[in-house]
Amino acid sequence: MSNWSNIYQNVHHFIALVFENKFILTLLLVGIFFIIKWLIVKRIIRKSTEGKRLQINMVNNLFTLLVILLIFNIWSDEIQKFALSIAAFIVAIVLATREFIQCFIGFVYLLSSRPFRIGDWVQVGNYYGEIHSTDWAKLTLLEVNINDYQYTGKTLYLPNSQLITSAIKNLNFLKRYAMHHFTLVRDDSVNPFEFIDSLYEKANLYCDDFKDVAIRYNQLIESRLDITIAGPEPHIQVATSDLGHTQVFFTIFCPTERAMEIEQKLTQDFMRLWFERKALIPADAK
């Protein structure tokens, strides 16, 4: 009985020591939290077949928030006394940490409004990319070249403060289909209206194999956004520049991965037709 009594007293003394020493208690609870998080993430990686990044990101953000609340709850008295002791310097502290405060406010804005999800394509200011992850301080993007819809291989880390001061555009529909625009410029020696019908035939030919899917996807975008957008038929427009050069504007609603391929084919057709017409012009008229 004496052995059990000693063990009980030792355990009771250890527990009392842990709860009396806030530093030890904080380390113990934070360690337990991180072990639980690690087990959950490991299970997600092992069991989930899709959406792993989204689930892991949600678990990381949830446990980060819980740890912050836990630390504030344990050290609330000390934090309150500390805050009162530096009341005279509170303005300077706010000014010094305003970027961190804006980052946290930006994170709260993300949680409340959810302008995008993990995996969406977005534009934040002048930056384009796919959402890789978010946390209380930054937004991580896999940079995308919006001109050819390809990943650049670069990773962008944007502070959440930019989400408050910059416009956010969700470009998620561009992951599958894009309203691709490109312009060809030549001199005014040839009238492009002479072969514009041939360009329309070529554009429709290149878009024929995905036309039905493009129509359905176009209708899906219009119904979700409650707007009317151009397409899915190709559109060609002729204009002149300030210098008097001929400009031909192409608009093609096509799968994102095929946008550059179709652009190159139409450019090839345009150049061929343009030089054929130019060759028919008498030498003295050129």
C-alpha atoms as a PDB file:
ATOM      1  CA  MET A   1       0.000   0.000   0.000  1.00  0.00           C
ATOM      2  CA  SER A   2       2.831   2.365   0.799  1.00  0.00           C
ATOM      3  CA  ASN A   3       4.286   1.885  -2.702  1.00  0.00           C
ATOM      4  CA  TRP A   4       0.974   2.699  -4.336  1.00  0.00           C
ATOM      5  CA  SER A   5       0.577   5.673  -2.031  1.00  0.00           C
ATOM      6  CA  ASN A   6       4.031   6.953  -2.973  1.00  0.00           C
ATOM      7  CA  ILE A   7       3.282   6.498  -6.674  1.00  0.00           C
ATOM      8  CA  TYR A   8      -0.024   8.319  -6.288  1.00  0.00           C
ATOM      9  CA  GLN A   9       1.641  11.167  -4.424  1.00  0.00           C
ATOM     10  CA  ASN A  10       4.388  11.437  -7.035  1.00  0.00           C
ATOM     11  CA  VAL A  11       1.882  11.483  -9.902  1.00  0.00           C
ATOM     12  CA  HIS A  12      -0.273  13.995  -8.053  1.00  0.00           C
ATOM     13  CA  HIS A  13       2.783  16.134  -7.367  1.00  0.00           C
ATOM     14  CA  PHE A  14       3.862  15.962 -11.037  1.00  0.00           C
ATOM     15  CA  ILE A  15       0.396  16.928 -12.291  1.00  0.00           C
ATOM     16  CA  ALA A  16       0.219  19.794  -9.819  1.00  0.00           C
ATOM     17  CA  LEU A  17       3.683  20.936 -10.907  1.00  0.00           C
ATOM     18  CA  VAL A  18       2.650  20.853 -14.586  1.00  0.00           C
ATOM     19  CA  PHE A  19      -0.512  22.859 -13.993  1.00  0.00           C
ATOM     20  CA  GLU A  20       1.288  25.357 -11.780  1.00  0.00           C
ATOM     21  CA  ASN A  21       4.105  25.881 -14.273  1.00  0.00           C
ATOM     22  CA  LYS A  22       2.493  27.480 -17.318  1.00  0.00           C
ATOM     23  CA  PHE A  23       5.617  27.122 -19.429  1.00  0.00           C
ATOM     24  CA  ILE A  24       5.704  23.339 -18.988  1.00  0.00           C
ATOM     25  CA  LEU A  25       1.932  23.120 -19.492  1.00  0.00           C
ATOM     26  CA  THR A  26       2.165  25.112 -22.717  1.00  0.00           C
ATOM     27  CA  LEU A  27       4.975  22.935 -24.105  1.00  0.00           C
ATOM     28  CA  LEU A  28       3.106  19.755 -23.159  1.00  0.00           C
ATOM     29  CA  LEU A  29      -0.204  20.783 -24.740  1.00  0.00           C
ATOM     30  CA  VAL A  30       1.426  22.203 -27.873  1.00  0.00           C
ATOM     31  CA  GLY A  31       3.382  18.950 -28.245  1.00  0.00           C
ATOM     32  CA  ILE A  32       0.182  16.923 -27.901  1.00  0.00           C
ATOM     33  CA  PHE A  33      -1.541  19.147 -30.496  1.00  0.00           C
ATOM     34  CA  PHE A  34       1.264  18.703 -33.014  1.00  0.00           C
ATOM     35  CA  ILE A  35       1.310  14.926 -32.502  1.00  0.00           C
ATOM     36  CA  ILE A  36      -2.456  14.786 -33.138  1.00  0.00           C
ATOM     37  CA  LYS A  37      -2.072  16.978 -36.222  1.00  0.00           C
ATOM     38  CA  TRP A  38       0.742  14.782 -37.530  1.00  0.00           C
ATOM     39  CA  LEU A  39      -1.389  11.653 -37.085  1.00  0.00           C
ATOM     40  CA  ILE A  40      -4.353  13.245 -38.873  1.00  0.00           C
ATOM     41  CA  VAL A  41      -2.207  14.463 -41.789  1.00  0.00           C
ATOM     42  CA  LYS A  42      -0.577  11.041 -42.061  1.00  0.00           C
ATOM     43  CA  ARG A  43      -4.021   9.406 -42.195  1.00  0.00           C
ATOM     44  CA  ILE A  44      -5.178  11.854 -44.887  1.00  0.00           C
ATOM     45  CA  ILE A  45      -2.118  11.103 -47.019  1.00  0.00           C
ATOM     46  CA  ARG A  46      -2.671   7.361 -46.617  1.00  0.00           C
ATOM     47  CA  LYS A  47      -6.455   7.231 -47.053  1.00  0.00           C
ATOM     48  CA  SER A  48      -7.482  10.115 -49.313  1.00  0.00           C
ATOM     49  CA  THR A  49      -7.502   9.616 -53.073  1.00  0.00           C
ATOM     50  CA  GLU A  50      -8.155  13.240 -54.092  1.00  0.00           C
ATOM     51  CA  GLY A  51      -8.271  16.677 -52.504  1.00  0.00           C
ATOM     52  CA  LYS A  52      -5.317  15.902 -50.223  1.00  0.00           C
ATOM     53  CA  ARG A  53      -3.872  19.404 -50.449  1.00  0.00           C
ATOM     54  CA  LEU A  54      -7.198  20.992 -49.468  1.00  0.00           C
ATOM     55  CA  GLN A  55      -7.702  18.661 -46.477  1.00  0.00           C
ATOM     56  CA  ILE A  56      -4.100  19.054 -45.260  1.00  0.00           C
ATOM     57  CA  ASN A  57      -4.317  22.832 -45.626  1.00  0.00           C
ATOM     58  CA  MET A  58      -7.559  22.920 -43.592  1.00  0.00           C
ATOM     59  CA  VAL A  59      -6.038  20.740 -40.851  1.00  0.00           C
ATOM     60  CA  ASN A  60      -2.904  22.936 -40.657  1.00  0.00           C
ATOM     61  CA  ASN A  61      -4.934  26.147 -40.423  1.00  0.00           C
ATOM     62  CA  LEU A  62      -7.323  24.663 -37.821  1.00  0.00           C
ATOM     63  CA  PHE A  63      -4.531  23.437 -35.559  1.00  0.00           C
ATOM     64  CA  THR A  64      -2.624  26.719 -35.920  1.00  0.00           C
ATOM     65  CA  LEU A  65      -5.730  28.606 -34.790  1.00  0.00           C
ATOM     66  CA  LEU A  66      -6.304  26.188 -31.884  1.00  0.00           C
ATOM     67  CA  VAL A  67      -2.682  26.525 -30.707  1.00  0.00           C
ATOM     68  CA  ILE A  68      -2.920  30.323 -30.794  1.00  0.00           C
ATOM     69  CA  LEU A  69      -6.179  30.250 -28.785  1.00  0.00           C
ATOM     70  CA  LEU A  70      -4.662  27.763 -26.342  1.00  0.00           C
ATOM     71  CA  ILE A  71      -1.587  29.926 -25.708  1.00  0.00           C
ATOM     72  CA  PHE A  72      -3.697  33.040 -25.284  1.00  0.00           C
ATOM     73  CA  ASN A  73      -5.979  31.212 -22.839  1.00  0.00           C
ATOM     74  CA  ILE A  74      -3.114  29.878 -20.705  1.00  0.00           C
ATOM     75  CA  TRP A  75      -1.168  33.134 -20.639  1.00  0.00           C
ATOM     76  CA  SER A  76      -4.167  35.487 -20.569  1.00  0.00           C
ATOM     77  CA  ASP A  77      -3.274  37.022 -17.192  1.00  0.00           C
ATOM     78  CA  GLU A  78       0.337  37.618 -18.164  1.00  0.00           C
ATOM     79  CA  ILE A  79      -0.687  38.972 -21.565  1.00  0.00           C
ATOM     80  CA  GLN A  80      -3.179  41.327 -19.917  1.00  0.00           C
ATOM     81  CA  LYS A  81      -0.578  42.603 -17.440  1.00  0.00           C
ATOM     82  CA  PHE A  82       1.944  42.974 -20.236  1.00  0.00           C
ATOM     83  CA  ALA A  83      -0.558  44.899 -22.351  1.00  0.00           C
ATOM     84  CA  LEU A  84      -1.313  47.244 -19.479  1.00  0.00           C
ATOM     85  CA  SER A  85       2.380  47.790 -18.807  1.00  0.00           C
ATOM     86  CA  ILE A  86       3.012  48.926 -22.384  1.00  0.00           C
ATOM     87  CA  ALA A  87      -0.129  51.051 -22.788  1.00  0.00           C
ATOM     88  CA  ALA A  88       2.027  54.109 -23.418  1.00  0.00           C
ATOM     89  CA  PHE A  89       3.687  52.353 -26.374  1.00  0.00           C
ATOM     90  CA  ILE A  90       0.605  50.755 -27.872  1.00  0.00           C
ATOM     91  CA  VAL A  91       0.467  53.144 -30.832  1.00  0.00           C
ATOM     92  CA  ALA A  92       4.088  52.442 -31.724  1.00  0.00           C
ATOM     93  CA  ILE A  93       3.475  48.691 -31.455  1.00  0.00           C
ATOM     94  CA  VAL A  94       0.453  48.873 -33.757  1.00  0.00           C
ATOM     95  CA  LEU A  95       2.444  50.864 -36.291  1.00  0.00           C
ATOM     96  CA  ALA A  96       5.347  48.435 -36.088  1.00  0.00           C
ATOM     97  CA  THR A  97       3.137  45.367 -36.517  1.00  0.00           C
ATOM     98  CA  ARG A  98       0.556  46.788 -38.900  1.00  0.00           C
ATOM     99  CA  GLU A  99       1.703  44.471 -41.700  1.00  0.00           C
ATOM    100  CA  PHE A 100       1.166  41.412 -39.502  1.00  0.00           C
ATOM    101  CA  ILE A 101      -2.203  42.761 -38.390  1.00  0.00           C
ATOM    102  CA  GLN A 102      -3.222  43.320 -42.007  1.00  0.00           C
ATOM    103  CA  CYS A 103      -2.059  39.799 -42.866  1.00  0.00           C
ATOM    104  CA  PHE A 104      -4.214  38.341 -40.101  1.00  0.00           C
ATOM    105  CA  ILE A 105      -7.192  40.495 -41.173  1.00  0.00           C
ATOM    106  CA  GLY A 106      -6.641  39.276 -44.735  1.00  0.00           C
ATOM    107  CA  PHE A 107      -6.680  35.692 -43.474  1.00  0.00           C
ATOM    108  CA  VAL A 108      -9.969  36.339 -41.637  1.00  0.00           C
ATOM    109  CA  TYR A 109     -11.318  37.844 -44.866  1.00  0.00           C
ATOM    110  CA  LEU A 110     -10.371  34.656 -46.751  1.00  0.00           C
ATOM    111  CA  LEU A 111     -12.096  32.452 -44.185  1.00  0.00           C
ATOM    112  CA  SER A 112     -15.264  34.544 -44.172  1.00  0.00           C
ATOM    113  CA  SER A 113     -15.731  35.387 -47.872  1.00  0.00           C
ATOM    114  CA  ARG A 114     -13.953  32.403 -49.517  1.00  0.00           C
ATOM    115  CA  PRO A 115     -13.257  34.143 -52.863  1.00  0.00           C
ATOM    116  CA  PHE A 116     -11.347  31.059 -54.006  1.00  0.00           C
ATOM    117  CA  ARG A 117     -10.428  27.509 -53.057  1.00  0.00           C
ATOM    118  CA  ILE A 118      -7.259  25.451 -53.125  1.00  0.00           C
ATOM    119  CA  GLY A 119      -6.454  24.667 -56.759  1.00  0.00           C
ATOM    120  CA  ASP A 120      -8.241  27.695 -58.266  1.00  0.00           C
ATOM    121  CA  TRP A 121      -6.504  30.007 -60.716  1.00  0.00           C
ATOM    122  CA  VAL A 122      -6.551  33.601 -59.474  1.00  0.00           C
ATOM    123  CA  GLN A 123      -5.156  37.025 -60.223  1.00  0.00           C
ATOM    124  CA  VAL A 124      -4.038  39.107 -57.248  1.00  0.00           C
ATOM    125  CA  GLY A 125      -2.882  42.506 -58.440  1.00  0.00           C
ATOM    126  CA  ASN A 126      -0.465  41.771 -61.282  1.00  0.00           C
ATOM    127  CA  TYR A 127       0.232  38.194 -60.177  1.00  0.00           C
ATOM    128  CA  TYR A 128      -1.350  35.100 -61.722  1.00  0.00           C
ATOM    129  CA  GLY A 129      -1.212  31.601 -60.331  1.00  0.00           C
ATOM    130  CA  GLU A 130      -2.858  28.510 -58.904  1.00  0.00           C
ATOM    131  CA  ILE A 131      -3.689  28.521 -55.189  1.00  0.00           C
ATOM    132  CA  HIS A 132      -1.334  26.068 -53.499  1.00  0.00           C
ATOM    133  CA  SER A 133      -2.008  26.847 -49.827  1.00  0.00           C
ATOM    134  CA  THR A 134      -3.011  29.588 -47.404  1.00  0.00           C
ATOM    135  CA  ASP A 135      -2.163  30.420 -43.826  1.00  0.00           C
ATOM    136  CA  TRP A 136      -2.550  33.383 -41.475  1.00  0.00           C
ATOM    137  CA  ALA A 137       0.435  35.239 -42.971  1.00  0.00           C
ATOM    138  CA  LYS A 138       0.649  34.475 -46.695  1.00  0.00           C
ATOM    139  CA  LEU A 139      -0.946  33.120 -49.824  1.00  0.00           C
ATOM    140  CA  THR A 140       1.138  30.622 -51.824  1.00  0.00           C
ATOM    141  CA  LEU A 141       0.680  30.613 -55.617  1.00  0.00           C
ATOM    142  CA  LEU A 142       2.109  28.396 -58.337  1.00  0.00           C
ATOM    143  CA  GLU A 143       2.769  31.078 -60.950  1.00  0.00           C
ATOM    144  CA  VAL A 144       0.972  30.787 -64.288  1.00  0.00           C
ATOM    145  CA  ASN A 145       1.884  32.669 -67.476  1.00  0.00           C
ATOM    146  CA  ILE A 146      -1.515  34.017 -68.467  1.00  0.00           C
ATOM    147  CA  ASN A 147      -0.390  34.506 -72.078  1.00  0.00           C
ATOM    148  CA  ASP A 148       0.146  30.798 -72.775  1.00  0.00           C
ATOM    149  CA  TYR A 149      -1.651  29.292 -69.720  1.00  0.00           C
ATOM    150  CA  GLN A 150       1.447  27.362 -68.651  1.00  0.00           C
ATOM    151  CA  TYR A 151       3.093  27.017 -65.223  1.00  0.00           C
ATOM    152  CA  THR A 152       6.329  28.988 -65.029  1.00  0.00           C
ATOM    153  CA  GLY A 153       7.830  26.759 -62.326  1.00  0.00           C
ATOM    154  CA  LYS A 154       8.002  29.686 -59.895  1.00  0.00           C
ATOM    155  CA  THR A 155       6.281  29.832 -56.509  1.00  0.00           C
ATOM    156  CA  LEU A 156       4.862  33.160 -55.321  1.00  0.00           C
ATOM    157  CA  TYR A 157       4.418  34.014 -51.645  1.00  0.00           C
ATOM    158  CA  LEU A 158       2.015  36.936 -51.280  1.00  0.00           C
ATOM    159  CA  PRO A 159       1.336  38.472 -47.852  1.00  0.00           C
ATOM    160  CA  ASN A 160      -2.338  38.399 -46.957  1.00  0.00           C
ATOM    161  CA  SER A 161      -2.245  42.189 -46.619  1.00  0.00           C
ATOM    162  CA  GLN A 162      -2.288  42.378 -50.428  1.00  0.00           C
ATOM    163  CA  LEU A 163      -5.672  40.649 -50.439  1.00  0.00           C
ATOM    164  CA  ILE A 164      -7.124  43.734 -48.733  1.00  0.00           C
ATOM    165  CA  THR A 165      -5.485  46.343 -50.961  1.00  0.00           C
ATOM    166  CA  SER A 166      -5.526  44.512 -54.324  1.00  0.00           C
ATOM    167  CA  ALA A 167      -8.325  43.264 -56.531  1.00  0.00           C
ATOM    168  CA  ILE A 168      -8.821  39.479 -56.516  1.00  0.00           C
ATOM    169  CA  LYS A 169      -9.967  37.831 -59.750  1.00  0.00           C
ATOM    170  CA  ASN A 170     -10.974  34.183 -59.746  1.00  0.00           C
ATOM    171  CA  LEU A 171      -9.798  32.708 -63.051  1.00  0.00           C
ATOM    172  CA  ASN A 172     -10.784  29.146 -62.266  1.00  0.00           C
ATOM    173  CA  PHE A 173     -12.737  28.672 -65.499  1.00  0.00           C
ATOM    174  CA  LEU A 174      -9.471  29.277 -67.397  1.00  0.00           C
ATOM    175  CA  LYS A 175      -8.130  25.957 -66.111  1.00  0.00           C
ATOM    176  CA  ARG A 176     -10.300  24.122 -68.636  1.00  0.00           C
ATOM    177  CA  TYR A 177     -11.478  26.603 -71.284  1.00  0.00           C
ATOM    178  CA  ALA A 178     -10.201  30.065 -72.143  1.00  0.00           C
ATOM    179  CA  MET A 179     -11.500  32.976 -74.183  1.00  0.00           C
ATOM    180  CA  HIS A 180      -8.184  33.269 -76.011  1.00  0.00           C
ATOM    181  CA  HIS A 181      -7.406  36.585 -77.723  1.00  0.00           C
ATOM    182  CA  PHE A 182      -4.489  37.320 -80.029  1.00  0.00           C
ATOM    183  CA  THR A 183      -3.710  39.967 -82.649  1.00  0.00           C
ATOM    184  CA  LEU A 184      -1.814  39.839 -85.947  1.00  0.00           C
ATOM    185  CA  VAL A 185      -0.447  43.058 -87.441  1.00  0.00           C
ATOM    186  CA  ARG A 186       0.672  43.594 -91.057  1.00  0.00           C
ATOM    187  CA  ASP A 187       1.046  46.559 -93.396  1.00  0.00           C
ATOM    188  CA  ASP A 188      -1.867  47.910 -95.435  1.00  0.00           C
ATOM    189  CA  SER A 189      -0.803  46.457 -98.781  1.00  0.00           C
ATOM    190  CA  VAL A 190      -3.339  43.608 -98.592  1.00  0.00           C
ATOM    191  CA  ASN A 191      -7.043  43.746 -97.787  1.00  0.00           C
ATOM    192  CA  PRO A 192      -7.685  40.977 -95.190  1.00  0.00           C
ATOM    193  CA  PHE A 193     -11.432  40.984 -95.984  1.00  0.00           C
ATOM    194  CA  GLU A 194     -10.559  39.183 -99.216  1.00  0.00           C
ATOM    195  CA  PHE A 195      -9.659  36.019 -97.297  1.00  0.00           C
ATOM    196  CA  ILE A 196     -11.446  36.459 -93.957  1.00  0.00           C
ATOM    197  CA  ASP A 197     -13.985  33.761 -94.910  1.00  0.00           C
ATOM    198  CA  SER A 198     -11.115  31.301 -95.355  1.00  0.00           C
ATOM    199  CA  LEU A 199      -9.838  32.202 -91.882  1.00  0.00           C
ATOM    200  CA  TYR A 200     -13.311  31.551 -90.434  1.00  0.00           C
ATOM    201  CA  GLU A 201     -13.382  28.151 -92.123  1.00  0.00           C
ATOM    202  CA  LYS A 202      -9.988  27.259 -90.687  1.00  0.00           C
ATOM    203  CA  ALA A 203     -10.940  28.493 -87.187  1.00  0.00           C
ATOM    204  CA  ASN A 204     -14.168  26.466 -87.219  1.00  0.00           C
ATOM    205  CA  LEU A 205     -12.246  23.429 -88.467  1.00  0.00           C
ATOM    206  CA  TYR A 206      -9.723  23.618 -85.611  1.00  0.00           C
ATOM    207  CA  CYS A 207     -12.544  24.028 -83.061  1.00  0.00           C
ATOM    208  CA  ASP A 208     -14.876  21.406 -84.520  1.00  0.00           C
ATOM    209  CA  ASP A 209     -13.715  18.426 -82.410  1.00  0.00           C
ATOM    210  CA  PHE A 210     -14.539  20.145 -79.107  1.00  0.00           C
ATOM    211  CA  LYS A 211     -17.431  22.330 -80.279  1.00  0.00           C
ATOM    212  CA  ASP A 212     -20.171  20.450 -78.382  1.00  0.00           C
ATOM    213  CA  VAL A 213     -18.203  20.475 -75.131  1.00  0.00           C
ATOM    214  CA  ALA A 214     -17.357  24.168 -75.638  1.00  0.00           C
ATOM    215  CA  ILE A 215     -21.047  25.021 -76.053  1.00  0.00           C
ATOM    216  CA  ARG A 216     -21.971  23.224 -72.814  1.00  0.00           C
ATOM    217  CA  TYR A 217     -19.069  24.767 -70.906  1.00  0.00           C
ATOM    218  CA  ASN A 218     -19.940  28.217 -72.259  1.00  0.00           C
ATOM    219  CA  GLN A 219     -23.518  27.764 -71.059  1.00  0.00           C
ATOM    220  CA  LEU A 220     -22.260  26.539 -67.667  1.00  0.00           C
ATOM    221  CA  ILE A 221     -20.139  29.678 -67.193  1.00  0.00           C
ATOM    222  CA  GLU A 222     -23.038  31.925 -68.226  1.00  0.00           C
ATOM    223  CA  SER A 223     -25.469  30.214 -65.838  1.00  0.00           C
ATOM    224  CA  ARG A 224     -23.072  30.290 -62.885  1.00  0.00           C
ATOM    225  CA  LEU A 225     -21.977  33.888 -63.385  1.00  0.00           C
ATOM    226  CA  ASP A 226     -25.402  35.052 -64.629  1.00  0.00           C
ATOM    227  CA  ILE A 227     -23.815  36.889 -67.560  1.00  0.00           C
ATOM    228  CA  THR A 228     -23.559  36.532 -71.330  1.00  0.00           C
ATOM    229  CA  ILE A 229     -20.081  35.950 -72.742  1.00  0.00           C
ATOM    230  CA  ALA A 230     -18.795  35.717 -76.296  1.00  0.00           C
ATOM    231  CA  GLY A 231     -18.473  32.328 -77.915  1.00  0.00           C
ATOM    232  CA  PRO A 232     -18.150  29.554 -78.388  1.00  0.00           C
ATOM    233  CA  GLU A 233     -17.956  30.400 -82.125  1.00  0.00           C
ATOM    234  CA  PRO A 234     -14.638  31.914 -83.283  1.00  0.00           C
ATOM    235  CA  HIS A 235     -14.682  35.653 -83.918  1.00  0.00           C
ATOM    236  CA  ILE A 236     -12.377  37.643 -86.208  1.00  0.00           C
ATOM    237  CA  GLN A 237     -12.289  41.435 -86.368  1.00  0.00           C
ATOM    238  CA  VAL A 238     -10.264  43.724 -88.656  1.00  0.00           C
ATOM    239  CA  ALA A 239      -9.099  47.186 -87.635  1.00  0.00           C
ATOM    240  CA  THR A 240      -6.264  49.641 -88.241  1.00  0.00           C
ATOM    241  CA  SER A 241      -3.612  50.901 -85.851  1.00  0.00           C
ATOM    242  CA  ASP A 242      -2.584  54.500 -85.183  1.00  0.00           C
ATOM    243  CA  LEU A 243       0.243  53.991 -87.687  1.00  0.00           C
ATOM    244  CA  GLY A 244      -2.119  52.809 -90.415  1.00  0.00           C
ATOM    245  CA  HIS A 245      -1.184  49.133 -90.167  1.00  0.00           C
ATOM    246  CA  THR A 246      -3.791  46.418 -90.526  1.00  0.00           C
ATOM    247  CA  GLN A 247      -4.738  44.599 -87.306  1.00  0.00           C
ATOM    248  CA  VAL A 248      -6.644  41.325 -87.233  1.00  0.00           C
ATOM    249  CA  PHE A 249      -8.090  40.353 -83.847  1.00  0.00           C
ATOM    250  CA  PHE A 250      -8.905  36.700 -83.154  1.00  0.00           C
ATOM    251  CA  THR A 251     -11.130  35.451 -80.314  1.00  0.00           C
ATOM    252  CA  ILE A 252     -11.239  31.686 -79.814  1.00  0.00           C
ATOM    253  CA  PHE A 253     -13.135  29.853 -77.045  1.00  0.00           C
ATOM    254  CA  CYS A 254     -11.099  26.670 -76.690  1.00  0.00           C
ATOM    255  CA  PRO A 255      -9.516  24.244 -74.197  1.00  0.00           C
ATOM    256  CA  THR A 256      -6.746  26.019 -72.327  1.00  0.00           C
ATOM    257  CA  GLU A 257      -4.089  23.467 -73.237  1.00  0.00           C
ATOM    258  CA  ARG A 258      -4.854  23.892 -76.961  1.00  0.00           C
ATOM    259  CA  ALA A 259      -4.988  27.694 -77.091  1.00  0.00           C
ATOM    260  CA  MET A 260      -1.395  28.180 -78.265  1.00  0.00           C
ATOM    261  CA  GLU A 261      -1.668  25.330 -80.776  1.00  0.00           C
ATOM    262  CA  ILE A 262      -4.740  26.878 -82.425  1.00  0.00           C
ATOM    263  CA  GLU A 263      -3.132  30.325 -82.352  1.00  0.00           C
ATOM    264  CA  GLN A 264      -0.084  29.001 -84.209  1.00  0.00           C
ATOM    265  CA  LYS A 265      -2.226  27.241 -86.822  1.00  0.00           C
ATOM    266  CA  LEU A 266      -4.337  30.348 -87.486  1.00  0.00           C
ATOM    267  CA  THR A 267      -1.206  32.489 -87.620  1.00  0.00           C
ATOM    268  CA  GLN A 268       0.263  30.112 -90.191  1.00  0.00           C
ATOM    269  CA  ASP A 269      -2.946  30.240 -92.264  1.00  0.00           C
ATOM    270  CA  PHE A 270      -3.114  34.036 -92.051  1.00  0.00           C
ATOM    271  CA  MET A 271       0.503  34.458 -93.161  1.00  0.00           C
ATOM    272  CA  ARG A 272       0.031  32.048 -96.070  1.00  0.00           C
ATOM    273  CA  LEU A 273      -3.128  33.785 -97.294  1.00  0.00           C
ATOM    274  CA  TRP A 274      -1.633  37.235 -96.793  1.00  0.00           C
ATOM    275  CA  PHE A 275       1.514  36.479 -98.805  1.00  0.00           C
ATOM    276  CA  GLU A 276      -0.553  34.764-101.527  1.00  0.00           C
ATOM    277  CA  ARG A 277      -2.633  37.924-101.939  1.00  0.00           C
ATOM    278  CA  LYS A 278       0.459  40.104-101.788  1.00  0.00           C
ATOM    279  CA  ALA A 279       2.098  38.076-104.544  1.00  0.00           C
ATOM    280  CA  LEU A 280      -0.870  38.843-106.836  1.00  0.00           C
ATOM    281  CA  ILE A 281      -0.371  42.599-106.503  1.00  0.00           C
ATOM    282  CA  PRO A 282       1.455  44.071-109.540  1.00  0.00           C
ATOM    283  CA  ALA A 283       4.986  45.188-108.785  1.00  0.00           C
ATOM    284  CA  ASP A 284       4.286  48.809-109.748  1.00  0.00           C
ATOM    285  CA  ALA A 285       1.313  48.897-107.335  1.00  0.00           C
ATOM    286  CA  LYS A 286       3.263  47.732-104.318  1.00  0.00           C
END
